[in-house]
Structure formats: C-alpha cells, structure tokens
Amino acid sequence: MLPRGLARWRALRWAGVQLPARGLRASPRARTSMPSWVIDRYGSNEVLRFTREMGFPIIHFPNEVIIRVHAASLNPIDLSMRSGYGATALNMKRDPLKLKTEETEFPLTLGRDVSGVVMECGLSVSYFKPGDEVWAAIPPWKQGTLSEFVVASGNEVSFKPKCLSHVEAAALPYVGLTAWSALNQVGGLNKSNCSGKRILILGSSGGVGTFAVQLVKAWGAHVTAVCSHDASTLVKRLGADDVIDYKSGNLEEQLKTLPLFDFILDNVGGSTEKWALDLLKKWSGATYVTLVTPFLINMDKLGVADGMLQTGVTVGSKTLKHLLKGVHYRWAFFMPSGPSLDEIAELVDSGKIQPVIDEVFSFSEVPKAFLKLEGGHARGKTVINVISRQ
C-alpha cells in the first residue's frame, strides 16, 4: 500500500493536475538541537532529564513530516517505558537488522500524543503542507513528543479537529486509536452493526475507557460501564446507560444480575478474564477483547524468539478454549493510523466525542505530570502544554 500522501499525489498527477514541486522545507534547518525531556536509563521519575541539546529531528523518508509540538499528553505506556517495559521488542522494532553502531536507544524521548503544526514535509508528502494544524499518535518505537519538534510518518498524521484547541486535541490520539483498534479493527464493531448491542467496558474512567464509552454510544450501543463511584457522574455524562461501582460489592456478582453482553472491552486485566467471558452471550458471535496482554513482558523475560513463541501459544490456547465455549477471545494493541484519526476527527467535530482531561501541566512540569499519572485514579488524560514554555 502506498503512503497516503504519495497515493494522493499520484492520483492528482494521473488526473492531469499540475502540482508544485515540494521538497524539504529548510526553515528550521539551521538548528541542530531543541528542548526536550529525555531519559538516559530506565528507572523511576528521577531518570527524567530536561535538555536543550536534543538532536533536531531529521526527515529520513519521503513520506515523513516534522511537527512543531504545541501540546502532548501522557499515557500509562509512558510510565511503563520509563521503567524499561517492552524494551526488548521496541529495540528490535527500532533496529531490526541491527545496523546501528551504537547499541543504545538513549537518549530516549517519551510521549506518544501530539497536536501541533507541520513545519517540514518530505518529497512525497502532498496531503499536508507547512502550517497545517495536525494531530497524531507516535508509535512507541519512535522518539516521542515531549520535545519542541517530532518527526512522524504522513500515514500517522491527521488534520486536527477544528473545534478543539491543541491542548484539548492532544488528549485523544493515543487512547482514541487504542480504543479504535480494540473495538473496530479487532472487535469488528462499527456504526453499521453496533446499534442495540449490549457492550460492557471494564475500566471506563481512564483515557481509553472514556473514549470507548463515547465511541460505542455514538454508534448506537447500550453501554454498561464499570468504574469507581467518584467517576460515575463523568461516565454517565459521556453516555453510559448503566454504571457499576466496582467498590460497592463483588463486581462479578453485580454484573451477573444484568442481561448477557454482546461485547466486552477489558482495560483492567488481572483476574478479570477468569470470569468476564461468562457474561457474554454464547454462540452469537459475542466477543471479549483485552488490552492487557503479556506480549511485551514475554519478550522482556524470554527474549525475542522464545517470547514470541510463548505469546503465540498463550493467545492460541485461550482463543481455542473460549471458542469451544461459544465466545470469541481477542487481544488488541495500539495501532498508529492517520486514516482512523480522520474518522475520529469527524466524530469530534460533530460533537459525538469530546476530550476528557484530568489535568494540564506546563512543559517545565513534566516530572510532576508523571507523578500525577503514577498516582493512578485519573479521570481522563494528563496533558502537557508544550508551546507555553516560550
């Protein structure tokens, strides 16, 4: 499949439209460094370091763009990556052929979400131009967004929703694409087949959960959300039909009193999957999708080959076990996708999805923001207002 910008460029050329030559923009080229928050080793919050000497991002491929970061946000994966979680798999993705002379990923910039302005475009990028306001979720194997600039593939970028500020927009891409992957790409749900379905969302008050509640409600589903009592007002406001307080008694027993579900999204993991699949309608195509998987842990503990083998055996055996009981069992992961963000932006601009922000920090307060996220019980996203440092 051709990169999105390149495909559009070729289509216009075939149609006889004369396009201006667009090479790399040289406006920031005199700069060789930029402000950034980095880590030089894995650990707890003390490994975060502010520097003004982080290397300026470079366009290596013709479908890439450089974005000036106006706002970023933190996700649980940033806490995990700060501690070294997933380093084996991510380093393999960063350098699969082991071509780098330096066998280190440091200094490493965290942060996956970005809302900002395009500064430079690669030679094949015609879908965007310098000055465009965009948003994106940067894959975890790339340098992150807690910087003044970040480079991204054009396929990962989308035009920012017009109705949102950069701070608001930065709260959505990573959690939105994670939920979209679980519900749509893995779970098979969409606006055409979701109406009237009973959907259970476990862990509904965090970033992914608040987005998922809004998305399936926009598609016409009946939503049962599980969260703590102090988040129930928020989750109801987002559209949940039933809200269950997991602290008010045995959660399994509370859910068993309700009609069976067509779909379960599990953001919690742990012992939940031992009983959650019994809440699904049998032999009806009902599906359980979990975002809590041992994939990266297996590779960290066992190495690439043995970790992938163990992961395959685990998911295969669980899938078969539950299929024989009449339900589908699936794992889902974050997937970067500009086209999916296009669809999400339409839902945002139509008022069907709104960002849920727990707290906004300045760029100088990144360590404080990490501590906030580390404390748990977030009601939405922790956002970094990067451009305000000027």
Protein backbone atom coordinates (compact mmCIF):
# COMPACT_ATOMS: atom_id res chain seq x y z
CA MET A 1 0.00 0.00 0.00
CA LEU A 2 1.32 3.43 -0.94
CA PRO A 3 1.82 6.08 1.72
CA ARG A 4 -1.26 8.29 1.97
CA GLY A 5 0.44 11.42 0.67
CA LEU A 6 2.18 9.61 -2.19
CA ALA A 7 -1.02 7.87 -3.30
CA ARG A 8 -2.88 11.18 -3.44
CA TRP A 9 -0.01 12.84 -5.31
CA ARG A 10 -0.01 10.12 -7.97
CA ALA A 11 -3.80 10.28 -8.33
CA LEU A 12 -3.64 14.02 -8.94
CA ARG A 13 -0.84 13.62 -11.46
CA TRP A 14 -2.78 10.93 -13.33
CA ALA A 15 -5.76 13.29 -13.42
CA GLY A 16 -3.59 15.91 -15.10
CA VAL A 17 -3.41 18.31 -12.17
CA GLN A 18 -0.16 20.28 -12.18
CA LEU A 19 1.40 20.16 -8.74
CA PRO A 20 4.20 22.38 -7.47
CA ALA A 21 7.43 20.66 -6.64
CA ARG A 22 7.61 20.31 -2.90
CA GLY A 23 10.89 19.37 -1.35
CA LEU A 24 12.10 19.65 2.21
CA ARG A 25 11.42 22.92 3.95
CA ALA A 26 14.58 24.48 5.24
CA SER A 27 13.14 26.98 7.71
CA PRO A 28 14.38 25.31 10.91
CA ARG A 29 17.36 23.62 9.24
CA ALA A 30 19.93 25.96 10.79
CA ARG A 31 19.02 24.50 14.15
CA THR A 32 20.76 21.36 15.29
CA SER A 33 19.20 20.93 18.74
CA MET A 34 15.95 21.55 20.60
CA PRO A 35 14.48 21.45 24.10
CA SER A 36 13.31 18.00 25.16
CA TRP A 37 12.61 15.77 28.13
CA VAL A 38 14.67 12.58 27.84
CA ILE A 39 15.80 9.55 29.79
CA ASP A 40 19.33 8.14 29.65
CA ARG A 41 18.49 4.94 31.52
CA TYR A 42 15.40 3.13 32.75
CA GLY A 43 14.07 3.73 36.23
CA SER A 44 11.62 5.80 38.23
CA ASN A 45 10.91 9.50 37.96
CA GLU A 46 14.46 10.65 38.72
CA VAL A 47 15.65 9.42 35.30
CA LEU A 48 13.73 12.21 33.55
CA ARG A 49 16.12 14.91 32.37
CA PHE A 50 15.49 18.23 30.64
CA THR A 51 17.94 19.18 27.92
CA ARG A 52 18.19 21.90 25.30
CA GLU A 53 20.64 19.81 23.30
CA MET A 54 18.41 17.03 21.96
CA GLY A 55 19.18 16.42 18.30
CA PHE A 56 16.79 18.15 15.90
CA PRO A 57 14.61 15.56 14.10
CA ILE A 58 15.53 14.72 10.53
CA ILE A 59 13.32 13.53 7.68
CA HIS A 60 14.73 10.16 6.61
CA PHE A 61 11.90 9.01 4.35
CA PRO A 62 9.96 10.97 1.69
CA ASN A 63 6.57 10.41 3.39
CA GLU A 64 7.60 11.95 6.72
CA VAL A 65 6.73 15.31 8.25
CA ILE A 66 8.22 17.34 11.07
CA ILE A 67 5.66 18.72 13.53
CA ARG A 68 6.18 21.56 15.95
CA VAL A 69 4.63 20.27 19.17
CA HIS A 70 2.08 22.59 20.73
CA ALA A 71 0.71 20.04 23.21
CA ALA A 72 1.39 16.45 24.19
CA SER A 73 -0.09 14.10 26.76
CA LEU A 74 0.95 11.17 28.92
CA ASN A 75 -0.35 7.61 28.80
CA PRO A 76 0.31 4.59 31.04
CA ILE A 77 2.71 3.30 28.38
CA ASP A 78 4.97 6.27 29.11
CA LEU A 79 5.27 5.16 32.73
CA SER A 80 5.99 1.62 31.58
CA MET A 81 8.59 2.70 29.01
CA ARG A 82 10.30 4.94 31.57
CA SER A 83 10.82 1.78 33.66
CA GLY A 84 12.06 -0.31 30.73
CA TYR A 85 8.89 -2.25 29.99
CA GLY A 86 8.88 -3.57 26.43
CA ALA A 87 12.48 -2.52 25.72
CA THR A 88 13.37 -5.82 24.01
CA ALA A 89 10.54 -5.68 21.48
CA LEU A 90 10.80 -1.92 20.92
CA ASN A 91 14.55 -2.03 20.33
CA MET A 92 14.06 -4.81 17.79
CA LYS A 93 11.49 -2.63 16.02
CA ARG A 94 13.82 0.38 16.13
CA ASP A 95 16.70 -1.53 14.54
CA PRO A 96 15.53 -4.92 13.20
CA LEU A 97 18.69 -5.54 11.18
CA LYS A 98 20.98 -4.24 13.95
CA LEU A 99 22.60 -1.71 11.63
CA LYS A 100 23.30 0.91 14.28
CA THR A 101 26.86 1.13 15.52
CA GLU A 102 25.69 2.32 18.96
CA GLU A 103 23.59 -0.35 20.63
CA THR A 104 21.51 2.01 22.74
CA GLU A 105 18.16 3.73 22.43
CA PHE A 106 19.24 6.61 24.65
CA PRO A 107 18.70 9.49 25.00
CA LEU A 108 15.05 8.50 24.65
CA THR A 109 12.13 10.93 24.48
CA LEU A 110 8.80 9.68 25.84
CA GLY A 111 5.30 10.91 24.98
CA ARG A 112 3.05 9.49 22.27
CA ASP A 113 0.38 12.15 21.64
CA VAL A 114 0.97 15.32 19.67
CA SER A 115 -1.11 18.23 18.50
CA GLY A 116 0.81 20.87 16.60
CA VAL A 117 1.73 22.47 13.30
CA VAL A 118 3.52 20.95 10.31
CA MET A 119 6.94 22.56 9.78
CA GLU A 120 8.56 20.42 7.07
CA CYS A 121 7.35 17.84 4.57
CA GLY A 122 9.16 15.03 2.78
CA LEU A 123 9.28 14.92 -1.01
CA SER A 124 6.26 12.62 -1.43
CA VAL A 125 4.00 14.40 1.07
CA SER A 126 1.21 16.28 -0.67
CA TYR A 127 -1.62 15.61 1.78
CA PHE A 128 -0.12 18.11 4.25
CA LYS A 129 1.80 21.35 3.92
CA PRO A 130 3.76 23.55 6.34
CA GLY A 131 1.38 25.49 8.56
CA ASP A 132 -1.30 22.79 8.74
CA GLU A 133 -2.67 22.08 12.21
CA VAL A 134 -2.43 18.33 12.80
CA TRP A 135 -2.59 15.65 15.45
CA ALA A 136 -1.05 12.20 15.69
CA ALA A 137 -0.08 9.32 17.95
CA ILE A 138 3.60 8.44 17.52
CA PRO A 139 4.43 4.70 17.78
CA PRO A 140 6.40 3.74 20.90
CA TRP A 141 9.46 2.64 18.92
CA LYS A 142 9.98 6.22 17.69
CA GLN A 143 11.25 9.27 19.55
CA GLY A 144 8.35 10.81 21.42
CA THR A 145 6.54 14.09 21.70
CA LEU A 146 7.90 15.65 24.92
CA SER A 147 10.04 17.84 22.66
CA GLU A 148 9.79 21.03 20.67
CA PHE A 149 9.60 19.06 17.41
CA VAL A 150 8.82 15.47 16.43
CA VAL A 151 9.02 13.56 13.15
CA ALA A 152 6.15 11.33 12.03
CA SER A 153 5.10 9.33 9.01
CA GLY A 154 2.40 11.02 6.94
CA ASN A 155 0.34 7.86 7.43
CA GLU A 156 0.29 8.52 11.18
CA VAL A 157 -0.88 12.13 10.93
CA SER A 158 -4.34 13.66 10.52
CA PHE A 159 -5.79 17.16 10.44
CA LYS A 160 -6.65 18.30 13.96
CA PRO A 161 -10.37 18.62 14.72
CA LYS A 162 -11.34 22.22 14.05
CA CYS A 163 -13.41 22.52 17.22
CA LEU A 164 -10.53 21.66 19.59
CA SER A 165 -7.55 23.63 20.87
CA HIS A 166 -4.16 21.94 20.72
CA VAL A 167 -4.32 21.16 24.45
CA GLU A 168 -7.72 19.51 24.01
CA ALA A 169 -6.69 17.64 20.87
CA ALA A 170 -3.55 16.21 22.48
CA ALA A 171 -5.72 14.23 24.90
CA LEU A 172 -7.21 11.98 22.21
CA PRO A 173 -4.93 10.37 19.58
CA TYR A 174 -3.25 7.51 21.50
CA VAL A 175 -6.28 6.49 23.58
CA GLY A 176 -8.56 7.02 20.60
CA LEU A 177 -6.52 4.77 18.33
CA THR A 178 -6.11 2.16 21.06
CA ALA A 179 -9.87 2.02 21.59
CA TRP A 180 -10.47 2.11 17.83
CA SER A 181 -8.12 -0.84 17.37
CA ALA A 182 -9.89 -2.86 20.05
CA LEU A 183 -13.45 -2.04 19.09
CA ASN A 184 -13.28 -1.68 15.32
CA GLN A 185 -10.23 -3.39 13.88
CA VAL A 186 -10.11 -6.33 16.31
CA GLY A 187 -13.67 -6.40 17.64
CA GLY A 188 -15.37 -5.70 14.31
CA LEU A 189 -17.74 -3.06 15.68
CA ASN A 190 -18.76 -0.05 13.59
CA LYS A 191 -21.62 2.40 13.14
CA SER A 192 -23.48 -0.07 10.90
CA ASN A 193 -23.58 -3.08 13.25
CA CYS A 194 -23.39 -1.64 16.77
CA SER A 195 -26.92 -0.34 17.23
CA GLY A 196 -28.72 -2.04 20.10
CA LYS A 197 -25.78 -4.24 21.12
CA ARG A 198 -25.03 -4.58 24.81
CA ILE A 199 -21.43 -3.59 25.48
CA LEU A 200 -19.53 -3.81 28.77
CA ILE A 201 -16.49 -1.60 29.34
CA LEU A 202 -14.27 -2.57 32.26
CA GLY A 203 -12.11 0.35 33.41
CA SER A 204 -14.26 3.08 31.90
CA SER A 205 -12.93 6.23 33.58
CA GLY A 206 -9.37 6.29 32.22
CA GLY A 207 -8.25 7.62 28.86
CA VAL A 208 -9.15 4.58 26.74
CA GLY A 209 -12.31 3.89 28.73
CA THR A 210 -13.77 7.40 28.43
CA PHE A 211 -13.12 7.36 24.69
CA ALA A 212 -14.58 3.87 24.24
CA VAL A 213 -17.79 4.79 26.09
CA GLN A 214 -18.35 7.74 23.76
CA LEU A 215 -17.46 5.84 20.60
CA VAL A 216 -19.79 2.87 21.02
CA LYS A 217 -22.55 5.17 22.28
CA ALA A 218 -22.13 7.25 19.11
CA TRP A 219 -22.57 4.00 17.18
CA GLY A 220 -25.85 3.29 18.96
CA ALA A 221 -24.87 0.66 21.53
CA HIS A 222 -26.23 0.14 25.04
CA VAL A 223 -23.22 0.78 27.30
CA THR A 224 -22.55 -0.66 30.74
CA ALA A 225 -19.51 0.98 32.31
CA VAL A 226 -17.51 -0.20 35.33
CA CYS A 227 -15.66 2.41 37.40
CA SER A 228 -15.44 3.71 40.96
CA HIS A 229 -18.31 5.72 42.45
CA ASP A 230 -16.49 9.05 42.22
CA ALA A 231 -16.19 8.65 38.42
CA SER A 232 -19.80 7.62 37.83
CA THR A 233 -21.06 11.15 37.12
CA LEU A 234 -18.37 11.64 34.46
CA VAL A 235 -19.05 8.29 32.79
CA LYS A 236 -22.82 8.89 32.76
CA ARG A 237 -22.25 12.30 31.20
CA LEU A 238 -20.26 10.60 28.43
CA GLY A 239 -23.25 8.42 27.59
CA ALA A 240 -23.10 5.24 29.67
CA ASP A 241 -26.54 3.71 30.21
CA ASP A 242 -25.60 1.69 33.30
CA VAL A 243 -22.70 2.44 35.63
CA ILE A 244 -21.43 -0.20 38.06
CA ASP A 245 -19.26 0.75 41.04
CA TYR A 246 -16.65 -1.99 41.39
CA LYS A 247 -16.03 -0.93 45.00
CA SER A 248 -19.62 -1.36 46.14
CA GLY A 249 -19.52 -5.16 46.31
CA ASN A 250 -18.47 -8.24 44.38
CA LEU A 251 -18.21 -6.98 40.79
CA GLU A 252 -18.75 -10.39 39.22
CA GLU A 253 -21.94 -10.94 41.17
CA GLN A 254 -23.22 -7.44 40.34
CA LEU A 255 -22.69 -8.00 36.61
CA LYS A 256 -24.31 -11.45 36.69
CA THR A 257 -27.62 -9.80 37.60
CA LEU A 258 -27.64 -7.98 34.24
CA PRO A 259 -28.59 -9.39 30.82
CA LEU A 260 -25.71 -11.00 28.92
CA PHE A 261 -23.44 -8.87 26.73
CA ASP A 262 -22.54 -8.89 23.03
CA PHE A 263 -19.10 -7.38 23.56
CA ILE A 264 -16.69 -6.76 26.44
CA LEU A 265 -13.73 -4.38 26.36
CA ASP A 266 -11.31 -5.08 29.21
CA ASN A 267 -8.91 -2.28 30.21
CA VAL A 268 -8.23 -3.85 33.61
CA GLY A 269 -6.77 -7.34 33.08
CA GLY A 270 -5.60 -9.36 36.04
CA SER A 271 -8.14 -11.91 37.24
CA THR A 272 -10.95 -10.26 35.28
CA GLU A 273 -10.79 -12.57 32.29
CA LYS A 274 -11.25 -15.61 34.53
CA TRP A 275 -14.94 -14.71 34.91
CA ALA A 276 -15.73 -11.91 32.43
CA LEU A 277 -16.24 -14.20 29.43
CA ASP A 278 -19.09 -15.95 31.26
CA LEU A 279 -21.03 -12.67 30.90
CA LEU A 280 -21.14 -12.98 27.08
CA LYS A 281 -24.00 -14.40 25.00
CA LYS A 282 -22.97 -17.88 23.87
CA TRP A 283 -22.91 -18.93 20.21
CA SER A 284 -23.93 -15.49 18.98
CA GLY A 285 -20.61 -14.05 17.84
CA ALA A 286 -20.11 -12.29 21.18
CA THR A 287 -16.52 -11.11 21.70
CA TYR A 288 -14.19 -10.31 24.59
CA VAL A 289 -11.24 -8.03 23.75
CA THR A 290 -8.50 -7.26 26.26
CA LEU A 291 -5.85 -4.56 26.03
CA VAL A 292 -3.84 -6.12 28.88
CA THR A 293 -1.60 -8.78 27.32
CA PRO A 294 1.73 -10.45 28.21
CA PHE A 295 3.28 -9.86 24.76
CA LEU A 296 5.96 -7.32 25.73
CA ILE A 297 6.57 -8.90 29.13
CA ASN A 298 7.22 -12.27 27.48
CA MET A 299 9.82 -10.75 25.17
CA ASP A 300 11.49 -8.88 28.02
CA LYS A 301 11.72 -12.05 30.12
CA LEU A 302 12.36 -14.70 27.48
CA GLY A 303 13.98 -12.84 24.59
CA VAL A 304 12.55 -12.20 21.16
CA ALA A 305 12.23 -15.75 19.79
CA ASP A 306 11.07 -17.54 22.96
CA GLY A 307 8.87 -14.59 23.94
CA MET A 308 7.05 -14.59 20.63
CA LEU A 309 6.64 -18.37 20.81
CA GLN A 310 5.22 -18.21 24.33
CA THR A 311 2.89 -15.39 23.31
CA GLY A 312 1.62 -17.35 20.32
CA VAL A 313 0.97 -20.44 22.44
CA THR A 314 -0.87 -18.39 25.09
CA VAL A 315 -3.20 -16.50 22.77
CA GLY A 316 -3.79 -19.55 20.61
CA SER A 317 -4.77 -21.79 23.52
CA LYS A 318 -7.04 -19.16 25.07
CA THR A 319 -8.73 -18.42 21.76
CA LEU A 320 -9.46 -22.11 21.15
CA LYS A 321 -10.60 -22.71 24.73
CA HIS A 322 -13.19 -19.95 24.61
CA LEU A 323 -14.24 -20.66 21.03
CA LEU A 324 -15.26 -24.13 22.15
CA LYS A 325 -17.47 -22.42 24.76
CA GLY A 326 -19.18 -20.29 22.12
CA VAL A 327 -17.45 -16.91 22.53
CA HIS A 328 -14.55 -15.11 20.85
CA TYR A 329 -11.39 -14.15 22.75
CA ARG A 330 -9.08 -11.47 21.30
CA TRP A 331 -6.05 -9.34 22.16
CA ALA A 332 -5.77 -5.76 20.92
CA PHE A 333 -2.93 -3.26 20.73
CA PHE A 334 -2.44 0.39 19.83
CA MET A 335 -2.13 0.85 16.06
CA PRO A 336 -0.93 4.19 14.57
CA SER A 337 -3.25 5.31 11.78
CA GLY A 338 -3.84 8.69 10.18
CA PRO A 339 -6.97 7.47 8.33
CA SER A 340 -8.50 6.25 11.60
CA LEU A 341 -7.75 9.64 13.16
CA ASP A 342 -9.57 11.21 10.19
CA GLU A 343 -12.70 9.29 11.20
CA ILE A 344 -12.23 10.17 14.86
CA ALA A 345 -11.83 13.85 13.93
CA GLU A 346 -15.19 13.75 12.15
CA LEU A 347 -16.85 12.34 15.28
CA VAL A 348 -15.19 15.05 17.40
CA ASP A 349 -16.22 17.89 15.10
CA SER A 350 -19.79 16.54 15.02
CA GLY A 351 -19.91 16.70 18.82
CA LYS A 352 -20.14 12.93 19.38
CA ILE A 353 -16.75 12.61 21.10
CA GLN A 354 -15.10 15.07 23.46
CA PRO A 355 -11.70 15.00 25.15
CA VAL A 356 -11.64 14.19 28.85
CA ILE A 357 -8.76 15.98 30.56
CA ASP A 358 -7.80 15.31 34.15
CA GLU A 359 -5.10 17.99 34.49
CA VAL A 360 -2.88 20.22 32.33
CA PHE A 361 0.80 20.81 33.12
CA SER A 362 3.34 23.18 31.61
CA PHE A 363 6.39 21.85 29.75
CA SER A 364 8.60 22.58 32.76
CA GLU A 365 6.35 20.37 34.92
CA VAL A 366 6.78 17.08 33.03
CA PRO A 367 8.21 15.20 36.07
CA LYS A 368 5.25 16.42 38.13
CA ALA A 369 2.89 15.20 35.40
CA PHE A 370 4.49 11.75 35.51
CA LEU A 371 3.98 11.63 39.28
CA LYS A 372 0.35 12.59 38.79
CA LEU A 373 -0.13 9.75 36.31
CA GLU A 374 1.79 7.37 38.55
CA GLY A 375 -0.66 8.10 41.38
CA GLY A 376 -3.45 6.44 39.37
CA HIS A 377 -7.20 7.05 39.53
CA ALA A 378 -7.04 9.52 36.64
CA ARG A 379 -10.30 10.82 35.22
CA GLY A 380 -9.22 11.25 31.63
CA LYS A 381 -5.85 12.43 30.38
CA THR A 382 -2.80 14.23 31.74
CA VAL A 383 -1.85 16.88 29.15
CA ILE A 384 1.39 18.85 28.66
CA ASN A 385 1.07 22.36 27.24
CA VAL A 386 4.39 22.41 25.40
CA ILE A 387 4.18 25.67 23.47
CA SER A 388 3.53 27.71 26.63
CA ARG A 389 7.22 27.41 27.54
CA GLN A 390 8.06 30.23 25.11
